């Protein structure tokens, strides 16, 4: 006689949602997309919970699913005929920002945001996991990448971010001069 499978305890998932959302928010750059990403991850987690080996694997598995979903979404948006997102989002990008929103962000934050946006999705994930405090061993297990390859990729991601920041800094004075001439 088959016994109905017991419903898995979901407390392990609720304890991880805050960190998963934090990483998703940093990856996507907005709360709405981060919530969608976290919802996808949670749905998959609830379906696959009985298959997970032990509670020690939960966080690593959730972060791996988050990474895969984010990279797949980024690839899909890159191939999409729209720039990405819905029509309102595309129109918002085409309009110039108002003076108030420009005043709220410092030049350094804006430069970092632009430099970050130029990184590949997998580079963003590597840097975010490292910034979240994961050591190389954890990141290696989360992303299923061997340590030497991970170190190389992390080095390239840092170098790309530094190069992008330098480009943003060198472009900054040109904007200031142009604004003074108006």
C-alpha atoms as a PDB file:
ATOM      1  CA  UNK A   1       0.000   0.000   0.000  1.00  0.00           C
ATOM      2  CA  UNK A   2       1.346   3.405  -0.969  1.00  0.00           C
ATOM      3  CA  UNK A   3       1.466   6.030   1.706  1.00  0.00           C
ATOM      4  CA  UNK A   4       0.750   9.621   0.762  1.00  0.00           C
ATOM      5  CA  UNK A   5       3.931  11.623   0.865  1.00  0.00           C
ATOM      6  CA  UNK A   6       4.081  13.913   3.869  1.00  0.00           C
ATOM      7  CA  UNK A   7       4.050  17.601   3.121  1.00  0.00           C
ATOM      8  CA  UNK A   8       7.594  18.907   3.678  1.00  0.00           C
ATOM      9  CA  UNK A   9       8.194  21.455   6.394  1.00  0.00           C
ATOM     10  CA  UNK A  10       8.368  24.864   4.697  1.00  0.00           C
ATOM     11  CA  UNK A  11      10.131  26.666   7.549  1.00  0.00           C
ATOM     12  CA  UNK A  12      13.500  26.120   5.860  1.00  0.00           C
ATOM     13  CA  UNK A  13      12.275  28.119   2.867  1.00  0.00           C
ATOM     14  CA  UNK A  14      10.851  31.044   4.849  1.00  0.00           C
ATOM     15  CA  UNK A  15      14.141  31.375   6.714  1.00  0.00           C
ATOM     16  CA  UNK A  16      16.014  31.789   3.412  1.00  0.00           C
ATOM     17  CA  UNK A  17      13.621  34.139   1.567  1.00  0.00           C
ATOM     18  CA  UNK A  18      15.159  37.344   2.944  1.00  0.00           C
ATOM     19  CA  UNK A  19      18.640  36.520   1.658  1.00  0.00           C
ATOM     20  CA  UNK A  20      17.290  35.225  -1.654  1.00  0.00           C
ATOM     21  CA  UNK A  21      15.300  38.442  -2.122  1.00  0.00           C
ATOM     22  CA  UNK A  22      18.332  40.577  -1.242  1.00  0.00           C
ATOM     23  CA  UNK A  23      20.436  38.843  -3.899  1.00  0.00           C
ATOM     24  CA  UNK A  24      17.582  38.941  -6.433  1.00  0.00           C
ATOM     25  CA  UNK A  25      17.055  42.670  -5.822  1.00  0.00           C
ATOM     26  CA  UNK A  26      20.715  43.414  -6.381  1.00  0.00           C
ATOM     27  CA  UNK A  27      20.698  41.368  -9.566  1.00  0.00           C
ATOM     28  CA  UNK A  28      17.544  42.829 -11.082  1.00  0.00           C
ATOM     29  CA  UNK A  29      17.818  46.378  -9.770  1.00  0.00           C
ATOM     30  CA  UNK A  30      14.136  46.680  -8.839  1.00  0.00           C
ATOM     31  CA  UNK A  31      11.744  45.169  -6.336  1.00  0.00           C
ATOM     32  CA  UNK A  32       9.121  44.003  -8.835  1.00  0.00           C
ATOM     33  CA  UNK A  33      11.505  41.870 -10.891  1.00  0.00           C
ATOM     34  CA  UNK A  34      13.197  40.622  -7.714  1.00  0.00           C
ATOM     35  CA  UNK A  35       9.844  39.503  -6.307  1.00  0.00           C
ATOM     36  CA  UNK A  36       9.057  37.663  -9.549  1.00  0.00           C
ATOM     37  CA  UNK A  37      12.438  35.956  -9.472  1.00  0.00           C
ATOM     38  CA  UNK A  38      12.048  34.958  -5.810  1.00  0.00           C
ATOM     39  CA  UNK A  39       8.553  33.633  -6.523  1.00  0.00           C
ATOM     40  CA  UNK A  40       9.931  31.434  -9.332  1.00  0.00           C
ATOM     41  CA  UNK A  41      12.643  30.128  -7.029  1.00  0.00           C
ATOM     42  CA  UNK A  42      10.185  29.452  -4.180  1.00  0.00           C
ATOM     43  CA  UNK A  43       7.748  27.637  -6.466  1.00  0.00           C
ATOM     44  CA  UNK A  44      10.520  25.393  -7.686  1.00  0.00           C
ATOM     45  CA  UNK A  45      11.795  24.887  -4.146  1.00  0.00           C
ATOM     46  CA  UNK A  46       8.404  23.751  -2.900  1.00  0.00           C
ATOM     47  CA  UNK A  47       8.055  21.289  -5.769  1.00  0.00           C
ATOM     48  CA  UNK A  48      11.575  19.901  -5.329  1.00  0.00           C
ATOM     49  CA  UNK A  49      11.762  19.969  -1.508  1.00  0.00           C
ATOM     50  CA  UNK A  50      11.276  16.208  -1.057  1.00  0.00           C
ATOM     51  CA  UNK A  51      14.228  15.562  -3.387  1.00  0.00           C
ATOM     52  CA  UNK A  52      16.724  17.733  -1.513  1.00  0.00           C
ATOM     53  CA  UNK A  53      19.225  15.711   0.443  1.00  0.00           C
ATOM     54  CA  UNK A  54      19.701  17.736   3.608  1.00  0.00           C
ATOM     55  CA  UNK A  55      19.010  21.156   5.115  1.00  0.00           C
ATOM     56  CA  UNK A  56      22.680  22.025   4.600  1.00  0.00           C
ATOM     57  CA  UNK A  57      22.101  21.948   0.857  1.00  0.00           C
ATOM     58  CA  UNK A  58      19.029  24.225   0.851  1.00  0.00           C
ATOM     59  CA  UNK A  59      20.704  27.634   0.684  1.00  0.00           C
ATOM     60  CA  UNK A  60      23.245  26.519  -1.881  1.00  0.00           C
ATOM     61  CA  UNK A  61      20.504  24.968  -4.006  1.00  0.00           C
ATOM     62  CA  UNK A  62      18.260  28.052  -3.746  1.00  0.00           C
ATOM     63  CA  UNK A  63      21.100  30.351  -4.785  1.00  0.00           C
ATOM     64  CA  UNK A  64      21.952  28.070  -7.712  1.00  0.00           C
ATOM     65  CA  UNK A  65      18.323  28.122  -8.886  1.00  0.00           C
ATOM     66  CA  UNK A  66      18.250  31.916  -8.469  1.00  0.00           C
ATOM     67  CA  UNK A  67      21.436  32.248 -10.502  1.00  0.00           C
ATOM     68  CA  UNK A  68      20.158  29.981 -13.274  1.00  0.00           C
ATOM     69  CA  UNK A  69      16.778  31.738 -13.472  1.00  0.00           C
ATOM     70  CA  UNK A  70      18.427  35.170 -13.565  1.00  0.00           C
ATOM     71  CA  UNK A  71      20.928  34.237 -16.281  1.00  0.00           C
ATOM     72  CA  UNK A  72      18.219  32.526 -18.350  1.00  0.00           C
ATOM     73  CA  UNK A  73      16.044  35.639 -18.050  1.00  0.00           C
ATOM     74  CA  UNK A  74      18.934  37.907 -19.040  1.00  0.00           C
ATOM     75  CA  UNK A  75      19.636  35.768 -22.107  1.00  0.00           C
ATOM     76  CA  UNK A  76      15.961  35.792 -23.041  1.00  0.00           C
ATOM     77  CA  UNK A  77      15.740  39.592 -22.719  1.00  0.00           C
ATOM     78  CA  UNK A  78      18.874  39.993 -24.827  1.00  0.00           C
ATOM     79  CA  UNK A  79      17.236  38.008 -27.645  1.00  0.00           C
ATOM     80  CA  UNK A  80      13.847  39.676 -27.197  1.00  0.00           C
ATOM     81  CA  UNK A  81      12.758  42.271 -29.786  1.00  0.00           C
ATOM     82  CA  UNK A  82      11.953  44.649 -26.929  1.00  0.00           C
ATOM     83  CA  UNK A  83      14.798  46.168 -24.952  1.00  0.00           C
ATOM     84  CA  UNK A  84      13.510  44.320 -21.905  1.00  0.00           C
ATOM     85  CA  UNK A  85      10.600  44.700 -19.559  1.00  0.00           C
ATOM     86  CA  UNK A  86       7.219  46.083 -20.461  1.00  0.00           C
ATOM     87  CA  UNK A  87       6.364  48.999 -22.746  1.00  0.00           C
ATOM     88  CA  UNK A  88       6.114  51.525 -19.888  1.00  0.00           C
ATOM     89  CA  UNK A  89       9.607  50.594 -18.732  1.00  0.00           C
ATOM     90  CA  UNK A  90      10.997  51.079 -22.243  1.00  0.00           C
ATOM     91  CA  UNK A  91       9.284  54.467 -22.521  1.00  0.00           C
ATOM     92  CA  UNK A  92      10.602  55.515 -19.110  1.00  0.00           C
ATOM     93  CA  UNK A  93      14.154  54.786 -20.287  1.00  0.00           C
ATOM     94  CA  UNK A  94      13.650  56.978 -23.343  1.00  0.00           C
ATOM     95  CA  UNK A  95      12.565  60.031 -21.353  1.00  0.00           C
ATOM     96  CA  UNK A  96      15.136  62.128 -19.583  1.00  0.00           C
ATOM     97  CA  UNK A  97      15.147  61.932 -15.784  1.00  0.00           C
ATOM     98  CA  UNK A  98      13.767  64.843 -13.823  1.00  0.00           C
ATOM     99  CA  UNK A  99      16.037  67.127 -11.808  1.00  0.00           C
ATOM    100  CA  UNK A 100      14.829  65.772  -8.486  1.00  0.00           C
ATOM    101  CA  UNK A 101      15.846  62.187  -9.238  1.00  0.00           C
ATOM    102  CA  UNK A 102      19.255  63.359 -10.461  1.00  0.00           C
ATOM    103  CA  UNK A 103      19.776  65.315  -7.253  1.00  0.00           C
ATOM    104  CA  UNK A 104      18.988  62.236  -5.150  1.00  0.00           C
ATOM    105  CA  UNK A 105      21.832  60.181  -6.580  1.00  0.00           C
ATOM    106  CA  UNK A 106      25.416  61.147  -6.118  1.00  0.00           C
ATOM    107  CA  UNK A 107      27.731  61.067  -9.113  1.00  0.00           C
ATOM    108  CA  UNK A 108      29.645  58.155  -7.633  1.00  0.00           C
ATOM    109  CA  UNK A 109      26.495  56.074  -7.162  1.00  0.00           C
ATOM    110  CA  UNK A 110      25.343  56.838 -10.690  1.00  0.00           C
ATOM    111  CA  UNK A 111      28.720  55.888 -12.126  1.00  0.00           C
ATOM    112  CA  UNK A 112      28.735  52.639 -10.146  1.00  0.00           C
ATOM    113  CA  UNK A 113      25.223  51.818 -11.314  1.00  0.00           C
ATOM    114  CA  UNK A 114      26.149  52.390 -14.952  1.00  0.00           C
ATOM    115  CA  UNK A 115      29.373  50.406 -14.597  1.00  0.00           C
ATOM    116  CA  UNK A 116      27.482  47.575 -12.885  1.00  0.00           C
ATOM    117  CA  UNK A 117      24.900  47.528 -15.669  1.00  0.00           C
ATOM    118  CA  UNK A 118      27.621  46.944 -18.250  1.00  0.00           C
ATOM    119  CA  UNK A 119      28.706  43.694 -16.571  1.00  0.00           C
ATOM    120  CA  UNK A 120      27.537  40.336 -17.903  1.00  0.00           C
ATOM    121  CA  UNK A 121      24.845  38.649 -15.799  1.00  0.00           C
ATOM    122  CA  UNK A 122      27.185  35.887 -14.622  1.00  0.00           C
ATOM    123  CA  UNK A 123      29.768  38.476 -13.537  1.00  0.00           C
ATOM    124  CA  UNK A 124      27.115  40.295 -11.501  1.00  0.00           C
ATOM    125  CA  UNK A 125      26.144  37.045  -9.797  1.00  0.00           C
ATOM    126  CA  UNK A 126      29.747  36.229  -8.876  1.00  0.00           C
ATOM    127  CA  UNK A 127      30.368  39.658  -7.391  1.00  0.00           C
ATOM    128  CA  UNK A 128      27.048  39.650  -5.533  1.00  0.00           C
ATOM    129  CA  UNK A 129      27.630  36.263  -3.951  1.00  0.00           C
ATOM    130  CA  UNK A 130      31.078  37.401  -2.851  1.00  0.00           C
ATOM    131  CA  UNK A 131      29.621  40.666  -1.478  1.00  0.00           C
ATOM    132  CA  UNK A 132      27.003  38.631   0.405  1.00  0.00           C
ATOM    133  CA  UNK A 133      29.889  37.064   2.325  1.00  0.00           C
ATOM    134  CA  UNK A 134      30.112  33.673   0.641  1.00  0.00           C
ATOM    135  CA  UNK A 135      33.618  32.281   0.494  1.00  0.00           C
ATOM    136  CA  UNK A 136      35.069  30.809  -2.686  1.00  0.00           C
ATOM    137  CA  UNK A 137      34.255  27.263  -1.620  1.00  0.00           C
ATOM    138  CA  UNK A 138      30.584  28.107  -1.130  1.00  0.00           C
ATOM    139  CA  UNK A 139      30.354  29.983  -4.422  1.00  0.00           C
ATOM    140  CA  UNK A 140      32.062  27.080  -6.153  1.00  0.00           C
ATOM    141  CA  UNK A 141      29.435  24.670  -4.807  1.00  0.00           C
ATOM    142  CA  UNK A 142      26.513  27.064  -5.478  1.00  0.00           C
ATOM    143  CA  UNK A 143      27.451  27.633  -9.113  1.00  0.00           C
ATOM    144  CA  UNK A 144      28.989  24.213  -9.668  1.00  0.00           C
ATOM    145  CA  UNK A 145      32.276  25.703 -10.911  1.00  0.00           C
ATOM    146  CA  UNK A 146      35.684  24.388  -9.902  1.00  0.00           C
ATOM    147  CA  UNK A 147      37.814  26.700  -7.743  1.00  0.00           C
ATOM    148  CA  UNK A 148      40.501  27.647 -10.315  1.00  0.00           C
ATOM    149  CA  UNK A 149      37.851  28.560 -12.902  1.00  0.00           C
ATOM    150  CA  UNK A 150      35.895  30.467 -10.252  1.00  0.00           C
ATOM    151  CA  UNK A 151      38.962  32.448  -9.207  1.00  0.00           C
ATOM    152  CA  UNK A 152      39.653  33.325 -12.834  1.00  0.00           C
ATOM    153  CA  UNK A 153      36.035  34.379 -13.468  1.00  0.00           C
ATOM    154  CA  UNK A 154      35.936  36.415 -10.268  1.00  0.00           C
ATOM    155  CA  UNK A 155      39.169  38.167 -11.244  1.00  0.00           C
ATOM    156  CA  UNK A 156      37.728  38.977 -14.682  1.00  0.00           C
ATOM    157  CA  UNK A 157      34.493  40.267 -13.135  1.00  0.00           C
ATOM    158  CA  UNK A 158      36.412  42.570 -10.779  1.00  0.00           C
ATOM    159  CA  UNK A 159      38.630  43.773 -13.630  1.00  0.00           C
ATOM    160  CA  UNK A 160      35.582  44.451 -15.820  1.00  0.00           C
ATOM    161  CA  UNK A 161      33.895  46.412 -13.047  1.00  0.00           C
ATOM    162  CA  UNK A 162      37.080  48.419 -12.441  1.00  0.00           C
ATOM    163  CA  UNK A 163      37.454  49.105 -16.169  1.00  0.00           C
ATOM    164  CA  UNK A 164      33.800  50.161 -16.436  1.00  0.00           C
ATOM    165  CA  UNK A 165      34.167  52.452 -13.424  1.00  0.00           C
ATOM    166  CA  UNK A 166      37.272  54.035 -14.916  1.00  0.00           C
ATOM    167  CA  UNK A 167      35.402  54.661 -18.175  1.00  0.00           C
ATOM    168  CA  UNK A 168      32.561  56.253 -16.222  1.00  0.00           C
ATOM    169  CA  UNK A 169      34.956  58.460 -14.260  1.00  0.00           C
ATOM    170  CA  UNK A 170      36.764  59.592 -17.396  1.00  0.00           C
ATOM    171  CA  UNK A 171      33.437  60.423 -19.069  1.00  0.00           C
ATOM    172  CA  UNK A 172      32.191  62.341 -15.999  1.00  0.00           C
ATOM    173  CA  UNK A 173      34.206  65.592 -16.475  1.00  0.00           C
ATOM    174  CA  UNK A 174      32.959  65.905 -20.047  1.00  0.00           C
ATOM    175  CA  UNK A 175      29.368  66.021 -18.819  1.00  0.00           C
ATOM    176  CA  UNK A 176      30.200  68.651 -16.198  1.00  0.00           C
ATOM    177  CA  UNK A 177      31.899  70.890 -18.769  1.00  0.00           C
ATOM    178  CA  UNK A 178      28.963  70.498 -21.144  1.00  0.00           C
ATOM    179  CA  UNK A 179      26.515  71.434 -18.386  1.00  0.00           C
ATOM    180  CA  UNK A 180      28.497  74.576 -17.477  1.00  0.00           C
ATOM    181  CA  UNK A 181      28.331  75.826 -21.070  1.00  0.00           C
ATOM    182  CA  UNK A 182      24.506  75.844 -21.036  1.00  0.00           C
END
